[in-house]
Amino acid sequence: MTPGTTWALVVETTQGIGQRKHTVARVLAQVEGSREEALAELERQARGYVPEHPGSPRRRRLLRTADGFLLVVEGSWQTFASRFTVGELLADSDAPPAPPPRAREPRVPEPAPAGPPAGPGEPGEPGEPAGPVSGPAAVDEDGVPVRPAWLGRRDLS
């Protein structure tokens, strides 16, 4: 399991009453990171979980199990259970498509154009610099400008 693992936090809870009781499972959330981080979030979710049944709970017990937690809620007539588990997400038919992998290329800044810098009366607004304020070398390791080109433009309001 790698550090970028995606974990699904699942609750299986009792629905219905009497002869029509059945278990329904749903994913509460997804967590990126370690299994321990996912279990910590699962415990937080389990502690705050309020099941539909029973309507008038008399006793509520949260138990730690080998793979998650078990919430047992006793009502006036029946007992209901909710099982919380964490599982590594291996496939998701409705996940957004992953971006295509990019080759990492070293970014070489282009040399600054020769000539005096633009000043008032030259291209651009008076008193405004004509080019990007951050310069061509002000990009991060992925080539994204540190200061966006639109920042400080007065014609965008």
C-alpha atoms as a PDB file:
ATOM      1  CA  MET A   1       0.000   0.000   0.000  1.00  0.00           C
ATOM      2  CA  THR A   2       1.437   3.324  -1.035  1.00  0.00           C
ATOM      3  CA  PRO A   3       1.037   6.678   0.756  1.00  0.00           C
ATOM      4  CA  GLY A   4      -1.373   7.844  -1.977  1.00  0.00           C
ATOM      5  CA  THR A   5      -3.817   5.010  -1.273  1.00  0.00           C
ATOM      6  CA  THR A   6      -7.528   5.825  -1.360  1.00  0.00           C
ATOM      7  CA  TRP A   7      -9.621   4.316   1.416  1.00  0.00           C
ATOM      8  CA  ALA A   8     -13.404   3.970   1.404  1.00  0.00           C
ATOM      9  CA  LEU A   9     -15.200   4.429   4.720  1.00  0.00           C
ATOM     10  CA  VAL A  10     -18.234   2.136   4.669  1.00  0.00           C
ATOM     11  CA  VAL A  11     -21.213   1.823   7.007  1.00  0.00           C
ATOM     12  CA  GLU A  12     -23.484  -1.211   6.946  1.00  0.00           C
ATOM     13  CA  THR A  13     -26.602  -0.438   8.924  1.00  0.00           C
ATOM     14  CA  THR A  14     -29.863  -2.133   9.824  1.00  0.00           C
ATOM     15  CA  GLN A  15     -32.886  -0.761   7.974  1.00  0.00           C
ATOM     16  CA  GLY A  16     -36.556  -1.570   8.499  1.00  0.00           C
ATOM     17  CA  ILE A  17     -38.213  -3.188  11.485  1.00  0.00           C
ATOM     18  CA  GLY A  18     -39.514  -6.599  12.513  1.00  0.00           C
ATOM     19  CA  GLN A  19     -39.550  -9.239   9.764  1.00  0.00           C
ATOM     20  CA  ARG A  20     -38.483  -6.621   7.198  1.00  0.00           C
ATOM     21  CA  LYS A  21     -35.103  -5.839   8.771  1.00  0.00           C
ATOM     22  CA  HIS A  22     -32.251  -5.858   6.286  1.00  0.00           C
ATOM     23  CA  THR A  23     -28.727  -4.461   5.993  1.00  0.00           C
ATOM     24  CA  VAL A  24     -27.824  -1.596   3.665  1.00  0.00           C
ATOM     25  CA  ALA A  25     -24.240  -0.564   2.908  1.00  0.00           C
ATOM     26  CA  ARG A  26     -23.064   2.848   1.763  1.00  0.00           C
ATOM     27  CA  VAL A  27     -19.775   4.698   1.418  1.00  0.00           C
ATOM     28  CA  LEU A  28     -19.591   7.570   3.894  1.00  0.00           C
ATOM     29  CA  ALA A  29     -16.418   9.120   2.530  1.00  0.00           C
ATOM     30  CA  GLN A  30     -13.097   8.475   0.836  1.00  0.00           C
ATOM     31  CA  VAL A  31      -9.766   9.262   2.470  1.00  0.00           C
ATOM     32  CA  GLU A  32      -6.353   9.629   0.812  1.00  0.00           C
ATOM     33  CA  GLY A  33      -3.393   8.558   2.909  1.00  0.00           C
ATOM     34  CA  SER A  34      -2.466   5.793   5.296  1.00  0.00           C
ATOM     35  CA  ARG A  35      -4.773   3.146   6.745  1.00  0.00           C
ATOM     36  CA  GLU A  36      -4.265   4.676  10.201  1.00  0.00           C
ATOM     37  CA  GLU A  37      -5.487   8.061   8.931  1.00  0.00           C
ATOM     38  CA  ALA A  38      -8.523   6.363   7.367  1.00  0.00           C
ATOM     39  CA  LEU A  39      -9.298   4.512  10.621  1.00  0.00           C
ATOM     40  CA  ALA A  40      -9.049   7.770  12.598  1.00  0.00           C
ATOM     41  CA  GLU A  41     -11.579   9.414  10.253  1.00  0.00           C
ATOM     42  CA  LEU A  42     -13.778   6.304  10.401  1.00  0.00           C
ATOM     43  CA  GLU A  43     -13.830   6.490  14.199  1.00  0.00           C
ATOM     44  CA  ARG A  44     -14.815  10.160  14.026  1.00  0.00           C
ATOM     45  CA  GLN A  45     -17.651   9.285  11.634  1.00  0.00           C
ATOM     46  CA  ALA A  46     -18.799   6.344  13.801  1.00  0.00           C
ATOM     47  CA  ARG A  47     -18.888   8.436  16.996  1.00  0.00           C
ATOM     48  CA  GLY A  48     -21.136  11.048  15.364  1.00  0.00           C
ATOM     49  CA  TYR A  49     -23.339   8.636  13.429  1.00  0.00           C
ATOM     50  CA  VAL A  50     -27.062   8.726  14.243  1.00  0.00           C
ATOM     51  CA  PRO A  51     -28.868   5.718  12.741  1.00  0.00           C
ATOM     52  CA  GLU A  52     -32.493   5.869  11.603  1.00  0.00           C
ATOM     53  CA  HIS A  53     -33.517   3.127  14.046  1.00  0.00           C
ATOM     54  CA  PRO A  54     -34.314   2.915  16.862  1.00  0.00           C
ATOM     55  CA  GLY A  55     -36.353   6.088  17.177  1.00  0.00           C
ATOM     56  CA  SER A  56     -35.962   6.141  20.963  1.00  0.00           C
ATOM     57  CA  PRO A  57     -32.512   4.742  21.791  1.00  0.00           C
ATOM     58  CA  ARG A  58     -31.972   3.518  25.339  1.00  0.00           C
ATOM     59  CA  ARG A  59     -28.348   2.488  25.130  1.00  0.00           C
ATOM     60  CA  ARG A  60     -25.578   3.141  22.614  1.00  0.00           C
ATOM     61  CA  ARG A  61     -22.289   1.208  22.521  1.00  0.00           C
ATOM     62  CA  LEU A  62     -19.378   1.754  20.105  1.00  0.00           C
ATOM     63  CA  LEU A  63     -16.948  -1.162  19.830  1.00  0.00           C
ATOM     64  CA  ARG A  64     -13.572  -1.311  18.080  1.00  0.00           C
ATOM     65  CA  THR A  65     -13.214  -4.421  15.897  1.00  0.00           C
ATOM     66  CA  ALA A  66     -10.305  -5.835  13.892  1.00  0.00           C
ATOM     67  CA  ASP A  67     -11.354  -3.966  10.731  1.00  0.00           C
ATOM     68  CA  GLY A  68     -13.260  -0.954  12.085  1.00  0.00           C
ATOM     69  CA  PHE A  69     -16.097  -0.307  14.537  1.00  0.00           C
ATOM     70  CA  LEU A  70     -19.474  -1.720  15.518  1.00  0.00           C
ATOM     71  CA  LEU A  71     -22.219   0.553  16.840  1.00  0.00           C
ATOM     72  CA  VAL A  72     -24.931  -1.278  18.799  1.00  0.00           C
ATOM     73  CA  VAL A  73     -28.009   0.775  19.685  1.00  0.00           C
ATOM     74  CA  GLU A  74     -30.650  -0.768  21.896  1.00  0.00           C
ATOM     75  CA  GLY A  75     -34.177   0.532  21.606  1.00  0.00           C
ATOM     76  CA  SER A  76     -37.345  -0.122  23.564  1.00  0.00           C
ATOM     77  CA  TRP A  77     -38.243  -3.224  21.530  1.00  0.00           C
ATOM     78  CA  GLN A  78     -35.294  -4.123  19.284  1.00  0.00           C
ATOM     79  CA  THR A  79     -31.544  -3.728  18.933  1.00  0.00           C
ATOM     80  CA  PHE A  80     -29.984  -2.257  15.791  1.00  0.00           C
ATOM     81  CA  ALA A  81     -26.387  -2.448  14.625  1.00  0.00           C
ATOM     82  CA  SER A  82     -24.175  -0.397  12.314  1.00  0.00           C
ATOM     83  CA  ARG A  83     -20.815  -1.789  11.205  1.00  0.00           C
ATOM     84  CA  PHE A  84     -18.112   0.659  10.105  1.00  0.00           C
ATOM     85  CA  THR A  85     -15.247  -0.673   8.001  1.00  0.00           C
ATOM     86  CA  VAL A  86     -12.374   0.753   6.032  1.00  0.00           C
ATOM     87  CA  GLY A  87     -11.353  -0.759   2.707  1.00  0.00           C
ATOM     88  CA  GLU A  88      -8.767   0.078   0.087  1.00  0.00           C
ATOM     89  CA  LEU A  89     -10.494   1.427  -3.012  1.00  0.00           C
ATOM     90  CA  LEU A  90      -9.343  -0.716  -5.940  1.00  0.00           C
ATOM     91  CA  ALA A  91     -11.886   0.324  -8.597  1.00  0.00           C
ATOM     92  CA  ASP A  92     -14.676   2.880  -9.002  1.00  0.00           C
ATOM     93  CA  SER A  93     -16.889   2.817 -12.099  1.00  0.00           C
ATOM     94  CA  ASP A  94     -18.020   6.407 -11.485  1.00  0.00           C
ATOM     95  CA  ALA A  95     -14.640   7.963 -10.676  1.00  0.00           C
ATOM     96  CA  PRO A  96     -13.545  10.979 -12.724  1.00  0.00           C
ATOM     97  CA  PRO A  97     -11.006  10.054 -15.408  1.00  0.00           C
ATOM     98  CA  ALA A  98      -7.414  10.307 -14.280  1.00  0.00           C
ATOM     99  CA  PRO A  99      -5.352  12.981 -16.023  1.00  0.00           C
ATOM    100  CA  PRO A 100      -2.848  11.573 -18.514  1.00  0.00           C
ATOM    101  CA  PRO A 101       0.651  11.261 -17.068  1.00  0.00           C
ATOM    102  CA  ARG A 102       2.995  14.072 -18.031  1.00  0.00           C
ATOM    103  CA  ALA A 103       6.687  13.678 -18.595  1.00  0.00           C
ATOM    104  CA  ARG A 104       8.660  15.857 -16.241  1.00  0.00           C
ATOM    105  CA  GLU A 105      10.897  18.114 -18.275  1.00  0.00           C
ATOM    106  CA  PRO A 106      13.316  20.548 -16.719  1.00  0.00           C
ATOM    107  CA  ARG A 107      12.006  24.069 -17.222  1.00  0.00           C
ATOM    108  CA  VAL A 108      14.615  26.407 -18.649  1.00  0.00           C
ATOM    109  CA  PRO A 109      13.736  30.095 -18.376  1.00  0.00           C
ATOM    110  CA  GLU A 110      13.877  32.064 -21.609  1.00  0.00           C
ATOM    111  CA  PRO A 111      16.368  34.918 -21.723  1.00  0.00           C
ATOM    112  CA  ALA A 112      14.944  38.389 -21.147  1.00  0.00           C
ATOM    113  CA  PRO A 113      14.576  40.489 -24.316  1.00  0.00           C
ATOM    114  CA  ALA A 114      17.349  42.961 -24.912  1.00  0.00           C
ATOM    115  CA  GLY A 115      16.438  46.603 -24.666  1.00  0.00           C
ATOM    116  CA  PRO A 116      15.334  49.135 -22.089  1.00  0.00           C
ATOM    117  CA  PRO A 117      12.300  48.341 -19.952  1.00  0.00           C
ATOM    118  CA  ALA A 118       9.037  49.936 -20.983  1.00  0.00           C
ATOM    119  CA  GLY A 119       8.049  53.016 -19.037  1.00  0.00           C
ATOM    120  CA  PRO A 120       5.312  55.626 -19.129  1.00  0.00           C
ATOM    121  CA  GLY A 121       4.189  56.488 -22.654  1.00  0.00           C
ATOM    122  CA  GLU A 122       5.200  53.098 -24.044  1.00  0.00           C
ATOM    123  CA  PRO A 123       3.082  49.951 -24.456  1.00  0.00           C
ATOM    124  CA  GLY A 124       0.827  49.386 -21.495  1.00  0.00           C
ATOM    125  CA  GLU A 125      -0.841  51.927 -19.252  1.00  0.00           C
ATOM    126  CA  PRO A 126       1.135  54.963 -18.116  1.00  0.00           C
ATOM    127  CA  GLY A 127       3.214  54.129 -15.102  1.00  0.00           C
ATOM    128  CA  GLU A 128       2.516  50.383 -15.501  1.00  0.00           C
ATOM    129  CA  PRO A 129       5.240  47.916 -16.457  1.00  0.00           C
ATOM    130  CA  ALA A 130       4.817  46.573 -19.991  1.00  0.00           C
ATOM    131  CA  GLY A 131       5.627  42.915 -19.291  1.00  0.00           C
ATOM    132  CA  PRO A 132       5.029  40.413 -16.553  1.00  0.00           C
ATOM    133  CA  VAL A 133       6.106  41.793 -13.222  1.00  0.00           C
ATOM    134  CA  SER A 134       7.421  38.440 -12.014  1.00  0.00           C
ATOM    135  CA  GLY A 135       9.695  37.925 -15.014  1.00  0.00           C
ATOM    136  CA  PRO A 136      10.093  34.815 -17.139  1.00  0.00           C
ATOM    137  CA  ALA A 137      12.035  32.886 -14.454  1.00  0.00           C
ATOM    138  CA  ALA A 138       9.289  33.141 -11.818  1.00  0.00           C
ATOM    139  CA  VAL A 139       7.674  29.741 -12.409  1.00  0.00           C
ATOM    140  CA  ASP A 140       7.381  26.752 -10.110  1.00  0.00           C
ATOM    141  CA  GLU A 141       8.808  23.319 -10.888  1.00  0.00           C
ATOM    142  CA  ASP A 142       5.794  22.442 -13.062  1.00  0.00           C
ATOM    143  CA  GLY A 143       6.114  25.588 -15.162  1.00  0.00           C
ATOM    144  CA  VAL A 144       3.143  27.375 -13.596  1.00  0.00           C
ATOM    145  CA  PRO A 145       3.746  31.114 -13.106  1.00  0.00           C
ATOM    146  CA  VAL A 146       4.194  32.097  -9.474  1.00  0.00           C
ATOM    147  CA  ARG A 147       2.345  35.352 -10.147  1.00  0.00           C
ATOM    148  CA  PRO A 148      -0.610  35.024 -12.544  1.00  0.00           C
ATOM    149  CA  ALA A 149      -0.494  37.271 -15.613  1.00  0.00           C
ATOM    150  CA  TRP A 150      -3.971  38.649 -14.832  1.00  0.00           C
ATOM    151  CA  LEU A 151      -3.054  39.793 -11.314  1.00  0.00           C
ATOM    152  CA  GLY A 152      -3.004  43.587 -11.144  1.00  0.00           C
ATOM    153  CA  ARG A 153      -4.618  44.170 -14.543  1.00  0.00           C
ATOM    154  CA  ARG A 154      -7.076  47.042 -14.373  1.00  0.00           C
ATOM    155  CA  ASP A 155      -8.995  46.094 -17.511  1.00  0.00           C
ATOM    156  CA  LEU A 156     -10.523  42.967 -15.930  1.00  0.00           C
ATOM    157  CA  SER A 157     -12.867  44.577 -13.418  1.00  0.00           C
END
